[in-house]
PDB file of N, CA and C in Angstrom:
ATOM      1  N   MET A   1     159.218 -44.508  25.251  1.00  0.00           N
ATOM      2  CA  MET A   1     161.016 -44.365  26.430  1.00  0.00           C
ATOM      3  C   MET A   1     160.669 -44.185  27.456  1.00  0.00           C
ATOM      4  N   VAL A   2     160.107 -42.949  27.341  1.00  0.00           N
ATOM      5  CA  VAL A   2     158.806 -41.882  28.470  1.00  0.00           C
ATOM      6  C   VAL A   2     158.940 -41.758  29.201  1.00  0.00           C
ATOM      7  N   MET A   3     157.970 -42.574  28.408  1.00  0.00           N
ATOM      8  CA  MET A   3     156.896 -43.366  30.247  1.00  0.00           C
ATOM      9  C   MET A   3     158.143 -44.220  30.634  1.00  0.00           C
ATOM     10  N   ASN A   4     159.036 -45.392  30.614  1.00  0.00           N
ATOM     11  CA  ASN A   4     159.988 -45.763  31.384  1.00  0.00           C
ATOM     12  C   ASN A   4     161.060 -45.496  31.577  1.00  0.00           C
ATOM     13  N   SER A   5     161.181 -44.490  31.374  1.00  0.00           N
ATOM     14  CA  SER A   5     161.830 -43.877  31.867  1.00  0.00           C
ATOM     15  C   SER A   5     161.597 -42.982  33.584  1.00  0.00           C
ATOM     16  N   PHE A   6     160.576 -42.952  33.128  1.00  0.00           N
ATOM     17  CA  PHE A   6     159.480 -41.805  34.169  1.00  0.00           C
ATOM     18  C   PHE A   6     159.069 -43.264  34.873  1.00  0.00           C
ATOM     19  N   LYS A   7     159.234 -44.619  35.249  1.00  0.00           N
ATOM     20  CA  LYS A   7     158.761 -45.444  36.136  1.00  0.00           C
ATOM     21  C   LYS A   7     160.104 -45.940  36.421  1.00  0.00           C
ATOM     22  N   GLN A   8     160.754 -45.705  35.934  1.00  0.00           N
ATOM     23  CA  GLN A   8     162.564 -46.000  36.399  1.00  0.00           C
ATOM     24  C   GLN A   8     162.887 -45.451  37.679  1.00  0.00           C
ATOM     25  N   THR A   9     162.780 -43.903  36.901  1.00  0.00           N
ATOM     26  CA  THR A   9     162.425 -43.278  37.926  1.00  0.00           C
ATOM     27  C   THR A   9     162.103 -43.181  38.933  1.00  0.00           C
ATOM     28  N   LEU A  10     160.604 -43.312  39.216  1.00  0.00           N
ATOM     29  CA  LEU A  10     159.561 -43.482  40.066  1.00  0.00           C
ATOM     30  C   LEU A  10     160.498 -44.383  41.303  1.00  0.00           C
ATOM     31  N   ILE A  11     160.973 -45.832  40.528  1.00  0.00           N
ATOM     32  CA  ILE A  11     161.368 -46.822  40.715  1.00  0.00           C
ATOM     33  C   ILE A  11     162.985 -46.741  42.422  1.00  0.00           C
ATOM     34  N   ASP A  12     163.940 -45.712  40.774  1.00  0.00           N
ATOM     35  CA  ASP A  12     164.886 -45.780  41.657  1.00  0.00           C
ATOM     36  C   ASP A  12     165.216 -44.351  42.918  1.00  0.00           C
ATOM     37  N   ALA A  13     163.811 -43.639  43.116  1.00  0.00           N
ATOM     38  CA  ALA A  13     164.077 -42.747  43.670  1.00  0.00           C
ATOM     39  C   ALA A  13     162.878 -43.201  45.121  1.00  0.00           C
ATOM     40  N   ILE A  14     162.147 -45.114  44.863  1.00  0.00           N
ATOM     41  CA  ILE A  14     161.934 -45.631  46.010  1.00  0.00           C
ATOM     42  C   ILE A  14     162.922 -46.085  46.505  1.00  0.00           C
ATOM     43  N   GLU A  15     163.552 -46.851  45.885  1.00  0.00           N
ATOM     44  CA  GLU A  15     164.719 -47.377  46.270  1.00  0.00           C
ATOM     45  C   GLU A  15     165.693 -46.636  47.188  1.00  0.00           C
ATOM     46  N   ASP A  16     166.048 -46.018  46.838  1.00  0.00           N
ATOM     47  CA  ASP A  16     167.153 -44.506  47.198  1.00  0.00           C
ATOM     48  C   ASP A  16     166.069 -44.501  48.456  1.00  0.00           C
ATOM     49  N   ASN A  17     165.096 -44.859  48.827  1.00  0.00           N
ATOM     50  CA  ASN A  17     165.028 -43.800  49.963  1.00  0.00           C
ATOM     51  C   ASN A  17     164.869 -45.170  51.279  1.00  0.00           C
ATOM     52  N   LYS A  18     164.404 -45.951  50.430  1.00  0.00           N
ATOM     53  CA  LYS A  18     164.591 -46.937  51.194  1.00  0.00           C
ATOM     54  C   LYS A  18     166.222 -47.007  52.365  1.00  0.00           C
ATOM     55  N   VAL A  19     167.008 -46.799  51.633  1.00  0.00           N
ATOM     56  CA  VAL A  19     168.383 -47.466  52.037  1.00  0.00           C
ATOM     57  C   VAL A  19     168.555 -46.158  53.018  1.00  0.00           C
ATOM     58  N   GLU A  20     168.002 -45.115  52.197  1.00  0.00           N
ATOM     59  CA  GLU A  20     168.639 -44.056  53.122  1.00  0.00           C
ATOM     60  C   GLU A  20     167.768 -44.034  54.537  1.00  0.00           C
ATOM     61  N   MET A  21     166.512 -44.705  54.548  1.00  0.00           N
ATOM     62  CA  MET A  21     166.209 -44.756  55.647  1.00  0.00           C
ATOM     63  C   MET A  21     166.847 -45.973  56.441  1.00  0.00           C
ATOM     64  N   VAL A  22     167.410 -46.928  55.528  1.00  0.00           N
ATOM     65  CA  VAL A  22     167.355 -48.361  56.361  1.00  0.00           C
ATOM     66  C   VAL A  22     169.170 -47.900  57.328  1.00  0.00           C
ATOM     67  N   ASN A  23     169.732 -46.942  56.540  1.00  0.00           N
ATOM     68  CA  ASN A  23     171.497 -46.475  56.567  1.00  0.00           C
ATOM     69  C   ASN A  23     171.925 -44.494  56.223  1.00  0.00           C
ATOM     70  N   PRO A  24     170.346 -44.567  57.337  1.00  0.00           N
ATOM     71  CA  PRO A  24     171.032 -43.292  56.952  1.00  0.00           C
ATOM     72  C   PRO A  24     172.122 -41.980  56.224  1.00  0.00           C
ATOM     73  N   SER A  25     172.436 -40.792  55.688  1.00  0.00           N
ATOM     74  CA  SER A  25     173.653 -39.830  55.330  1.00  0.00           C
ATOM     75  C   SER A  25     173.525 -39.344  56.492  1.00  0.00           C
ATOM     76  N   ARG A  26     172.664 -38.902  57.171  1.00  0.00           N
ATOM     77  CA  ARG A  26     172.614 -38.263  58.561  1.00  0.00           C
ATOM     78  C   ARG A  26     171.727 -38.224  59.556  1.00  0.00           C
ATOM     79  N   GLU A  27     171.399 -37.805  60.473  1.00  0.00           N
ATOM     80  CA  GLU A  27     170.686 -37.565  61.398  1.00  0.00           C
ATOM     81  C   GLU A  27     170.073 -37.083  61.130  1.00  0.00           C
ATOM     82  N   TYR A  28     168.335 -37.896  61.218  1.00  0.00           N
ATOM     83  CA  TYR A  28     167.231 -36.830  60.863  1.00  0.00           C
ATOM     84  C   TYR A  28     166.500 -36.547  62.455  1.00  0.00           C
ATOM     85  N   THR A  29     165.613 -35.814  62.024  1.00  0.00           N
ATOM     86  CA  THR A  29     164.520 -36.101  63.600  1.00  0.00           C
ATOM     87  C   THR A  29     163.500 -36.296  63.391  1.00  0.00           C
ATOM     88  N   ASP A  30     162.322 -36.765  64.256  1.00  0.00           N
ATOM     89  CA  ASP A  30     161.665 -37.890  64.211  1.00  0.00           C
ATOM     90  C   ASP A  30     161.250 -36.846  63.426  1.00  0.00           C
ATOM     91  N   MET A  31     159.443 -35.662  62.778  1.00  0.00           N
ATOM     92  CA  MET A  31     159.238 -35.083  61.905  1.00  0.00           C
ATOM     93  C   MET A  31     160.342 -35.387  60.370  1.00  0.00           C
ATOM     94  N   GLU A  32     161.828 -34.938  60.713  1.00  0.00           N
ATOM     95  CA  GLU A  32     161.999 -35.935  58.515  1.00  0.00           C
ATOM     96  C   GLU A  32     161.358 -36.948  58.320  1.00  0.00           C
ATOM     97  N   ILE A  33     161.371 -38.006  59.010  1.00  0.00           N
ATOM     98  CA  ILE A  33     161.825 -39.491  59.380  1.00  0.00           C
ATOM     99  C   ILE A  33     160.257 -39.474  58.631  1.00  0.00           C
ATOM    100  N   ILE A  34     159.539 -39.273  59.921  1.00  0.00           N
ATOM    101  CA  ILE A  34     158.176 -38.935  59.393  1.00  0.00           C
ATOM    102  C   ILE A  34     158.232 -38.732  58.174  1.00  0.00           C
ATOM    103  N   TRP A  35     158.649 -38.093  57.245  1.00  0.00           N
ATOM    104  CA  TRP A  35     157.942 -37.161  56.375  1.00  0.00           C
ATOM    105  C   TRP A  35     158.976 -38.228  55.220  1.00  0.00           C
ATOM    106  N   LEU A  36     159.891 -38.610  55.066  1.00  0.00           N
ATOM    107  CA  LEU A  36     160.677 -39.443  54.320  1.00  0.00           C
ATOM    108  C   LEU A  36     159.774 -40.415  54.618  1.00  0.00           C
ATOM    109  N   ARG A  37     159.107 -40.655  55.748  1.00  0.00           N
ATOM    110  CA  ARG A  37     158.113 -42.413  55.205  1.00  0.00           C
ATOM    111  C   ARG A  37     156.555 -42.008  54.594  1.00  0.00           C
ATOM    112  N   GLY A  38     156.378 -41.212  54.828  1.00  0.00           N
ATOM    113  CA  GLY A  38     155.200 -40.536  54.014  1.00  0.00           C
ATOM    114  C   GLY A  38     155.648 -40.030  52.116  1.00  0.00           C
ATOM    115  N   TYR A  39     156.266 -39.173  52.587  1.00  0.00           N
ATOM    116  CA  TYR A  39     157.360 -38.898  50.474  1.00  0.00           C
ATOM    117  C   TYR A  39     157.447 -40.979  49.595  1.00  0.00           C
ATOM    118  N   ASN A  40     158.096 -41.909  50.620  1.00  0.00           N
ATOM    119  CA  ASN A  40     158.649 -42.895  50.075  1.00  0.00           C
ATOM    120  C   ASN A  40     157.402 -43.251  49.623  1.00  0.00           C
ATOM    121  N   GLN A  41     155.418 -44.023  50.378  1.00  0.00           N
ATOM    122  CA  GLN A  41     154.899 -43.639  50.322  1.00  0.00           C
ATOM    123  C   GLN A  41     153.846 -43.133  48.912  1.00  0.00           C
ATOM    124  N   ALA A  42     154.896 -41.867  49.119  1.00  0.00           N
ATOM    125  CA  ALA A  42     153.285 -41.325  48.007  1.00  0.00           C
ATOM    126  C   ALA A  42     153.965 -41.554  46.396  1.00  0.00           C
ATOM    127  N   LEU A  43     155.772 -41.827  46.969  1.00  0.00           N
ATOM    128  CA  LEU A  43     155.909 -42.528  45.634  1.00  0.00           C
ATOM    129  C   LEU A  43     155.623 -43.471  45.101  1.00  0.00           C
ATOM    130  N   GLN A  44     156.059 -45.169  46.000  1.00  0.00           N
ATOM    131  CA  GLN A  44     155.120 -46.184  45.226  1.00  0.00           C
ATOM    132  C   GLN A  44     153.664 -46.083  45.499  1.00  0.00           C
ATOM    133  N   ASP A  45     152.766 -45.219  46.418  1.00  0.00           N
ATOM    134  CA  ASP A  45     150.819 -44.455  45.500  1.00  0.00           C
ATOM    135  C   ASP A  45     151.271 -43.723  43.989  1.00  0.00           C
ATOM    136  N   MET A  46     151.967 -43.526  43.304  1.00  0.00           N
ATOM    137  CA  MET A  46     152.005 -43.254  42.590  1.00  0.00           C
ATOM    138  C   MET A  46     153.341 -44.382  40.971  1.00  0.00           C
ATOM    139  N   LEU A  47     154.012 -45.277  41.477  1.00  0.00           N
ATOM    140  CA  LEU A  47     153.731 -46.451  40.999  1.00  0.00           C
ATOM    141  C   LEU A  47     153.227 -46.967  39.912  1.00  0.00           C
ATOM    142  N   SER A  48     152.268 -47.570  41.067  1.00  0.00           N
ATOM    143  CA  SER A  48     151.345 -48.132  41.594  1.00  0.00           C
ATOM    144  C   SER A  48     150.472 -47.658  40.074  1.00  0.00           C
ATOM    145  N   ASP A  49     149.763 -46.568  40.878  1.00  0.00           N
ATOM    146  CA  ASP A  49     148.826 -46.196  39.793  1.00  0.00           C
ATOM    147  C   ASP A  49     149.551 -45.728  38.258  1.00  0.00           C
ATOM    148  N   PHE A  50     150.704 -45.359  38.436  1.00  0.00           N
ATOM    149  CA  PHE A  50     151.770 -45.564  37.013  1.00  0.00           C
ATOM    150  C   PHE A  50     150.932 -46.471  36.449  1.00  0.00           C
ATOM    151  N   THR A  51     151.593 -47.532  36.960  1.00  0.00           N
ATOM    152  CA  THR A  51     151.554 -49.186  36.949  1.00  0.00           C
ATOM    153  C   THR A  51     150.898 -49.336  36.031  1.00  0.00           C
ATOM    154  N   GLU A  52     149.279 -49.774  36.840  1.00  0.00           N
ATOM    155  CA  GLU A  52     148.086 -49.447  36.574  1.00  0.00           C
ATOM    156  C   GLU A  52     147.284 -49.201  34.890  1.00  0.00           C
ATOM    157  N   ASP A  53     147.773 -47.795  35.057  1.00  0.00           N
ATOM    158  CA  ASP A  53     146.776 -46.918  34.145  1.00  0.00           C
ATOM    159  C   ASP A  53     147.863 -47.186  32.804  1.00  0.00           C
ATOM    160  N   TYR A  54     148.856 -47.544  33.073  1.00  0.00           N
ATOM    161  CA  TYR A  54     150.175 -47.385  31.620  1.00  0.00           C
ATOM    162  C   TYR A  54     150.096 -49.083  31.407  1.00  0.00           C
ATOM    163  N   ASN A  55     149.128 -49.745  32.050  1.00  0.00           N
ATOM    164  CA  ASN A  55     149.030 -51.525  30.709  1.00  0.00           C
ATOM    165  C   ASN A  55     147.744 -50.820  30.505  1.00  0.00           C
ATOM    166  N   LYS A  56     146.484 -50.107  31.060  1.00  0.00           N
ATOM    167  CA  LYS A  56     145.133 -50.312  30.668  1.00  0.00           C
ATOM    168  C   LYS A  56     145.868 -49.328  28.803  1.00  0.00           C
ATOM    169  N   PHE A  57     146.204 -48.360  29.435  1.00  0.00           N
ATOM    170  CA  PHE A  57     146.304 -48.085  28.629  1.00  0.00           C
ATOM    171  C   PHE A  57     147.012 -47.860  27.064  1.00  0.00           C
ATOM    172  N   LEU A  58     147.894 -48.951  27.219  1.00  0.00           N
ATOM    173  CA  LEU A  58     148.373 -49.832  26.553  1.00  0.00           C
ATOM    174  C   LEU A  58     146.812 -50.640  26.279  1.00  0.00           C
ATOM    175  N   GLU A  59     146.670 -51.643  27.257  1.00  0.00           N
ATOM    176  CA  GLU A  59     146.062 -52.615  26.092  1.00  0.00           C
ATOM    177  C   GLU A  59     144.970 -52.121  25.600  1.00  0.00           C
ATOM    178  N   ASP A  60     144.477 -50.871  25.733  1.00  0.00           N
ATOM    179  CA  ASP A  60     143.231 -50.354  25.297  1.00  0.00           C
ATOM    180  C   ASP A  60     144.043 -49.320  23.590  1.00  0.00           C
ATOM    181  N   MET A  61     145.245 -49.604  23.827  1.00  0.00           N
ATOM    182  CA  MET A  61     145.554 -48.875  22.213  1.00  0.00           C
ATOM    183  C   MET A  61     145.747 -50.171  21.449  1.00  0.00           C
ATOM    184  N   ILE A  62     146.639 -52.187  22.390  1.00  0.00           N
ATOM    185  CA  ILE A  62     146.475 -52.443  20.996  1.00  0.00           C
ATOM    186  C   ILE A  62     145.270 -53.096  20.637  1.00  0.00           C
ATOM    187  N   LYS A  63     144.074 -52.852  21.977  1.00  0.00           N
ATOM    188  CA  LYS A  63     142.938 -53.086  21.241  1.00  0.00           C
ATOM    189  C   LYS A  63     142.533 -52.309  20.064  1.00  0.00           C
ATOM    190  N   ASN A  64     143.049 -51.585  20.015  1.00  0.00           N
ATOM    191  CA  ASN A  64     142.458 -49.887  18.913  1.00  0.00           C
ATOM    192  C   ASN A  64     142.909 -50.300  17.639  1.00  0.00           C
ATOM    193  N   SER A  65     143.914 -50.663  18.244  1.00  0.00           N
ATOM    194  CA  SER A  65     144.551 -50.552  16.448  1.00  0.00           C
ATOM    195  C   SER A  65     144.020 -51.753  16.026  1.00  0.00           C
ATOM    196  N   LEU A  66     144.311 -53.137  16.378  1.00  0.00           N
ATOM    197  CA  LEU A  66     143.964 -54.234  16.242  1.00  0.00           C
ATOM    198  C   LEU A  66     142.610 -54.075  15.176  1.00  0.00           C
ATOM    199  N   ASN A  67     141.032 -53.616  15.248  1.00  0.00           N
ATOM    200  CA  ASN A  67     140.353 -53.247  15.712  1.00  0.00           C
ATOM    201  C   ASN A  67     139.808 -52.293  13.892  1.00  0.00           C
TER     202      ASN A  67
END
């Protein structure tokens, strides 16, 4: 459950940032926009790595429990 919650938190943060970029809640400087883009890319990378690693972990756990 904790892992699913973490994954959902990442997904929600990515979506919130995408919405913020399309419909900003305030005016951002060019540097802030660059930072937001980089932050969102880092979150996407984290989600990708987490998904791959977690799926591998689950596969290994199932294999070990079957042996």
